[in-house]
Amino acid sequence: MIKKCLFPAAGYGTRFLPATKSMPKEMMPIVNKPLIEYGVDEAIQAGINAMCIVTGRGKYSLMDHFDKNYELEHQIRGTNKEALLEDIRATIYAASFTYIRQKEMCGLGHAILTGQELVGDDAFSVVLADDLCINQEQGVLAQMVTLYKQFRCSIVAVEEVPENETHKYGVISGQEIKHDLFRVDNMVEKPELGTAPSNLAIIGRYILTPDIFEILEHTVPGKNGEIQITDALLKQAKDGCVLAHKFKGKRFDCGSVEGFIEATNYCYENIYLTSDAPNQSHTTVKY
């Protein structure tokens, strides 16, 4: 029932300058595969086949990556290098890709609102590519899609973080209605140290019902002068229902240098080296 996935990918990636001066942060590779490809594969594994990407200035390589490269493929045809393209070819044919440009950076809520034209009037998922999530049995997005089929409301993925890191995230509190599933009653974007309602932090996986767009249109800029998705979701929670799912799996904050290195080391040791042929492209995993 969730057939579209929105990828906000217009940010500058300033924490990785100078690399991101000319390369989108979403194209930075974890071993031999860019971050956004991991996110797209996770969406496909959840049964989603329409990828809607919100891009920004100078991000043409995102579109090029999910397209044929006739010259490259001609040059390596018939060689052992051809197998290195098997995974991305499968991804390209498994999904459709549409793009829209975000004209100014005004927060995640604004980026999601920009994607309304691509998403339409149906419930949809959102993946932030710099949050790399890995689960060898069932991906985080697939877990959330299963919950949506039962509850039919907006859902956010959360994980426990140390109390001294809650100021980096949107943080929820709520009533646990069953194991690892909470009905949200409060949600705060990057609370001051010592003021967070819990240590359950929202990470870059969402399922949103289409009424979120009307709420975002009337959401005034909040923290840092940006339109925050947490403010819109809090109104949704007060007026109806928003769930928070404490997901199963590993999550790496690849928006930070430390998290990016940790993710690279993990994927190299646990996926790349354990594949049948390390020199080939068999690094596809379940998320």
Protein backbone atom coordinates (compact mmCIF):
# COMPACT_ATOMS: atom_id res chain seq x y z
CA MET A 1 0.00 0.00 0.00
CA ILE A 2 2.99 2.31 0.47
CA LYS A 3 4.24 2.61 -3.10
CA LYS A 4 6.24 5.85 -3.04
CA CYS A 5 9.38 6.82 -1.17
CA LEU A 6 10.53 10.43 -0.88
CA PHE A 7 14.26 11.15 -0.60
CA PRO A 8 15.09 14.69 0.59
CA ALA A 9 18.51 15.13 -1.03
CA ALA A 10 18.98 18.86 -1.55
CA GLY A 11 21.22 19.64 1.43
CA TYR A 12 24.77 20.91 1.10
CA GLY A 13 26.50 18.28 3.26
CA THR A 14 28.78 20.90 4.81
CA ARG A 15 30.20 18.48 7.40
CA PHE A 16 32.00 16.71 4.56
CA LEU A 17 33.55 19.70 2.84
CA PRO A 18 35.58 19.90 0.68
CA ALA A 19 34.38 16.52 -0.71
CA THR A 20 30.78 17.75 -0.98
CA LYS A 21 31.76 20.93 -2.79
CA SER A 22 31.22 19.08 -6.08
CA MET A 23 29.70 15.73 -4.99
CA PRO A 24 26.33 15.23 -3.28
CA LYS A 25 26.71 13.74 0.18
CA GLU A 26 24.12 11.13 -0.85
CA MET A 27 26.61 9.88 -3.46
CA MET A 28 29.41 9.29 -0.97
CA PRO A 29 30.22 5.57 -1.08
CA ILE A 30 30.00 3.09 1.75
CA VAL A 31 32.64 0.68 0.39
CA ASN A 32 31.60 0.60 -3.30
CA LYS A 33 27.96 1.73 -3.17
CA PRO A 34 26.64 5.27 -2.63
CA LEU A 35 24.46 6.04 0.37
CA ILE A 36 21.35 6.77 -1.66
CA GLU A 37 21.53 3.40 -3.38
CA TYR A 38 21.39 1.71 0.03
CA GLY A 39 18.25 3.73 0.76
CA VAL A 40 16.63 2.88 -2.57
CA ASP A 41 17.39 -0.82 -2.08
CA GLU A 42 15.81 -0.64 1.38
CA ALA A 43 12.67 0.88 -0.12
CA ILE A 44 12.49 -1.78 -2.85
CA GLN A 45 12.86 -4.49 -0.21
CA ALA A 46 9.83 -2.96 1.55
CA GLY A 47 7.74 -3.37 -1.63
CA ILE A 48 8.06 0.26 -2.77
CA ASN A 49 8.72 0.89 -6.46
CA ALA A 50 8.44 4.67 -6.99
CA MET A 51 11.41 6.76 -5.84
CA CYS A 52 10.75 10.51 -5.57
CA ILE A 53 13.94 12.49 -5.07
CA VAL A 54 14.07 16.13 -3.95
CA THR A 55 17.33 17.48 -5.36
CA GLY A 56 19.20 20.75 -5.30
CA ARG A 57 21.67 22.73 -7.30
CA GLY A 58 24.59 20.71 -8.72
CA LYS A 59 23.19 17.28 -7.86
CA TYR A 60 23.01 15.88 -11.38
CA SER A 61 25.03 12.80 -10.41
CA LEU A 62 22.02 11.52 -8.44
CA MET A 63 20.04 11.32 -11.67
CA ASP A 64 22.98 9.91 -13.62
CA HIS A 65 23.52 7.12 -11.08
CA PHE A 66 20.02 5.72 -11.59
CA ASP A 67 20.34 5.72 -15.36
CA LYS A 68 22.29 3.83 -18.01
CA ASN A 69 25.85 4.85 -18.82
CA TYR A 70 26.16 3.60 -22.37
CA GLU A 71 29.82 4.54 -22.86
CA LEU A 72 30.96 2.88 -19.63
CA GLU A 73 28.90 -0.24 -20.27
CA HIS A 74 30.26 -0.49 -23.80
CA GLN A 75 33.84 -0.23 -22.56
CA ILE A 76 33.55 -3.02 -19.97
CA ARG A 77 31.20 -5.33 -21.91
CA GLY A 78 32.55 -8.87 -21.94
CA THR A 79 35.10 -8.25 -19.16
CA ASN A 80 34.98 -9.34 -15.53
CA LYS A 81 34.18 -5.71 -14.60
CA GLU A 82 30.71 -6.04 -16.10
CA ALA A 83 29.52 -7.98 -13.05
CA LEU A 84 30.18 -4.91 -10.91
CA LEU A 85 27.12 -3.24 -12.45
CA GLU A 86 24.68 -6.10 -11.79
CA ASP A 87 23.27 -4.70 -8.56
CA ILE A 88 22.64 -1.17 -9.82
CA ARG A 89 21.13 -2.48 -13.06
CA ALA A 90 18.67 -4.54 -11.01
CA THR A 91 17.83 -1.51 -8.89
CA ILE A 92 17.22 0.72 -11.93
CA TYR A 93 14.79 -1.77 -13.46
CA ALA A 94 13.02 -2.49 -10.17
CA ALA A 95 11.83 1.09 -9.63
CA SER A 96 10.91 4.37 -11.29
CA PHE A 97 12.72 7.61 -10.45
CA THR A 98 11.30 11.13 -10.51
CA TYR A 99 12.99 14.35 -9.41
CA ILE A 100 12.09 17.85 -8.30
CA ARG A 101 14.39 20.68 -7.24
CA GLN A 102 14.09 22.37 -3.86
CA LYS A 103 14.62 26.07 -4.54
CA GLU A 104 15.80 26.99 -1.03
CA MET A 105 16.89 25.08 2.06
CA CYS A 106 14.22 25.72 4.72
CA GLY A 107 14.31 22.52 6.75
CA LEU A 108 13.17 18.92 6.38
CA GLY A 109 9.52 19.89 6.55
CA HIS A 110 9.98 22.24 3.60
CA ALA A 111 11.83 19.53 1.64
CA ILE A 112 8.96 17.11 2.22
CA LEU A 113 6.43 19.75 1.20
CA THR A 114 8.45 20.33 -1.99
CA GLY A 115 7.97 16.65 -2.83
CA GLN A 116 4.17 16.85 -2.70
CA GLU A 117 3.95 17.17 -6.48
CA LEU A 118 5.78 13.85 -6.87
CA VAL A 119 4.03 12.01 -4.05
CA GLY A 120 0.41 12.97 -4.69
CA ASP A 121 -2.47 12.16 -2.35
CA ASP A 122 -1.38 8.79 -1.00
CA ALA A 123 0.49 7.81 2.14
CA PHE A 124 4.22 7.63 1.47
CA SER A 125 7.55 6.86 3.09
CA VAL A 126 10.54 9.13 3.63
CA VAL A 127 14.17 8.02 3.75
CA LEU A 128 17.07 10.24 4.75
CA ALA A 129 19.95 8.60 2.93
CA ASP A 130 22.61 9.70 5.40
CA ASP A 131 20.94 7.50 8.04
CA LEU A 132 22.15 4.07 6.91
CA CYS A 133 20.02 1.30 8.44
CA ILE A 134 20.92 -2.37 8.14
CA ASN A 135 18.96 -5.43 9.22
CA GLN A 136 19.78 -8.79 7.71
CA GLU A 137 16.25 -10.17 8.27
CA GLN A 138 13.76 -7.35 7.67
CA GLY A 139 14.67 -3.79 6.78
CA VAL A 140 13.55 -0.84 8.91
CA LEU A 141 11.23 0.49 6.21
CA ALA A 142 9.70 -2.96 5.71
CA GLN A 143 9.04 -3.14 9.46
CA MET A 144 7.23 0.20 9.27
CA VAL A 145 5.20 -0.75 6.20
CA THR A 146 3.95 -3.81 8.07
CA LEU A 147 2.85 -1.58 10.95
CA TYR A 148 1.16 0.89 8.59
CA LYS A 149 -0.99 -1.90 7.14
CA GLN A 150 -2.34 -2.45 10.65
CA PHE A 151 -2.64 1.11 12.01
CA ARG A 152 -3.00 3.38 8.91
CA CYS A 153 -1.38 6.45 10.49
CA SER A 154 1.93 8.30 10.37
CA ILE A 155 4.87 6.39 11.85
CA VAL A 156 8.38 7.50 12.81
CA ALA A 157 11.36 5.26 13.51
CA VAL A 158 13.10 5.86 16.84
CA GLU A 159 16.08 4.54 18.75
CA GLU A 160 17.45 5.11 22.23
CA VAL A 161 20.35 7.56 22.37
CA PRO A 162 22.50 8.74 25.31
CA GLU A 163 20.90 11.63 27.19
CA ASN A 164 23.84 13.88 26.34
CA GLU A 165 23.04 13.44 22.62
CA THR A 166 19.29 14.11 22.65
CA HIS A 167 19.92 17.75 21.62
CA LYS A 168 20.95 16.50 18.16
CA TYR A 169 17.59 14.89 17.32
CA GLY A 170 13.86 15.21 17.33
CA VAL A 171 12.79 13.40 20.51
CA ILE A 172 9.43 11.80 21.31
CA SER A 173 7.56 10.68 24.37
CA GLY A 174 4.49 8.50 24.42
CA GLN A 175 2.57 5.56 25.74
CA GLU A 176 3.90 2.10 24.85
CA ILE A 177 0.95 0.29 23.29
CA LYS A 178 2.90 -2.88 22.60
CA HIS A 179 6.54 -3.93 22.62
CA ASP A 180 8.69 -1.26 20.93
CA LEU A 181 5.65 0.66 19.63
CA PHE A 182 4.56 3.98 21.16
CA ARG A 183 1.64 6.32 20.64
CA VAL A 184 3.28 9.74 20.52
CA ASP A 185 2.04 12.45 22.90
CA ASN A 186 4.96 14.86 22.64
CA MET A 187 7.72 15.57 20.14
CA VAL A 188 10.48 18.18 20.45
CA GLU A 189 13.04 19.17 17.82
CA LYS A 190 16.59 19.28 19.22
CA PRO A 191 15.68 20.00 22.85
CA GLU A 192 18.11 21.80 25.12
CA LEU A 193 20.26 19.49 27.22
CA GLY A 194 18.33 18.23 30.22
CA THR A 195 14.91 19.09 28.77
CA ALA A 196 14.24 16.15 26.41
CA PRO A 197 10.95 14.33 27.08
CA SER A 198 12.76 10.95 26.74
CA ASN A 199 15.83 9.43 25.12
CA LEU A 200 13.88 8.09 22.11
CA ALA A 201 15.28 9.93 19.10
CA ILE A 202 13.70 10.07 15.65
CA ILE A 203 15.95 8.78 12.85
CA GLY A 204 15.61 9.19 9.11
CA ARG A 205 12.70 6.84 8.40
CA TYR A 206 9.08 8.00 8.24
CA ILE A 207 5.73 6.90 6.91
CA LEU A 208 3.45 9.91 6.47
CA THR A 209 -0.23 10.21 5.65
CA PRO A 210 -1.06 12.80 2.96
CA ASP A 211 -2.73 15.26 5.35
CA ILE A 212 0.81 16.11 6.50
CA PHE A 213 1.09 18.44 3.50
CA GLU A 214 -1.74 20.72 4.61
CA ILE A 215 -0.26 20.81 8.11
CA LEU A 216 3.18 21.70 6.72
CA GLU A 217 1.69 24.52 4.66
CA HIS A 218 0.50 26.14 7.88
CA THR A 219 3.52 25.27 10.05
CA VAL A 220 5.47 28.35 11.04
CA PRO A 221 9.29 28.14 11.02
CA GLY A 222 10.60 26.68 14.27
CA LYS A 223 14.08 25.66 15.41
CA ASN A 224 16.79 27.48 13.40
CA GLY A 225 14.11 29.31 11.42
CA GLU A 226 13.26 26.11 9.49
CA ILE A 227 9.98 24.32 8.83
CA GLN A 228 10.34 21.27 11.05
CA ILE A 229 8.61 17.99 10.27
CA THR A 230 8.51 17.32 14.03
CA ASP A 231 6.24 20.37 14.55
CA ALA A 232 3.85 19.10 11.86
CA LEU A 233 3.90 15.58 13.26
CA LEU A 234 3.17 16.86 16.77
CA LYS A 235 0.00 18.54 15.49
CA GLN A 236 -0.91 15.30 13.73
CA ALA A 237 -0.36 13.45 17.01
CA LYS A 238 -2.53 15.91 18.97
CA ASP A 239 -5.35 15.81 16.41
CA GLY A 240 -5.20 12.10 15.61
CA CYS A 241 -2.47 9.51 15.96
CA VAL A 242 1.26 9.21 15.28
CA LEU A 243 3.19 6.08 16.21
CA ALA A 244 6.88 5.69 17.03
CA HIS A 245 8.52 2.36 16.21
CA LYS A 246 11.67 1.33 18.05
CA PHE A 247 13.12 -0.52 15.09
CA LYS A 248 15.24 -3.65 14.93
CA GLY A 249 18.59 -3.25 13.21
CA LYS A 250 21.74 -1.16 13.15
CA ARG A 251 21.74 2.52 12.25
CA PHE A 252 24.74 4.64 11.31
CA ASP A 253 24.72 8.44 11.23
CA CYS A 254 26.56 8.89 7.95
CA GLY A 255 25.96 12.62 8.12
CA SER A 256 28.88 12.73 10.56
CA VAL A 257 32.46 11.77 9.74
CA GLU A 258 32.60 9.37 12.68
CA GLY A 259 29.38 7.61 11.69
CA PHE A 260 30.45 7.42 8.07
CA ILE A 261 33.73 5.71 8.99
CA GLU A 262 31.93 3.35 11.37
CA ALA A 263 29.44 2.39 8.64
CA THR A 264 32.22 1.84 6.10
CA ASN A 265 34.14 -0.43 8.46
CA TYR A 266 31.00 -2.38 9.39
CA CYS A 267 29.90 -2.94 5.80
CA TYR A 268 33.40 -3.84 4.67
CA GLU A 269 33.90 -6.42 7.42
CA ASN A 270 30.38 -7.85 7.64
CA ILE A 271 29.11 -7.60 4.07
CA TYR A 272 31.84 -7.03 1.51
CA LEU A 273 34.41 -9.51 2.87
CA THR A 274 31.78 -12.18 3.52
CA SER A 275 30.30 -12.04 0.01
CA ASP A 276 30.98 -14.90 -2.41
CA ALA A 277 33.36 -12.83 -4.52
CA PRO A 278 34.85 -9.75 -2.81
CA ASN A 279 36.04 -8.39 -6.13
CA GLN A 280 32.53 -8.46 -7.53
CA SER A 281 29.41 -6.47 -6.68
CA HIS A 282 27.69 -8.91 -4.32
CA THR A 283 27.24 -6.42 -1.51
CA THR A 284 23.44 -6.24 -1.57
CA VAL A 285 21.99 -6.68 1.91
CA LYS A 286 18.58 -6.67 3.52
CA TYR A 287 17.97 -3.50 5.48
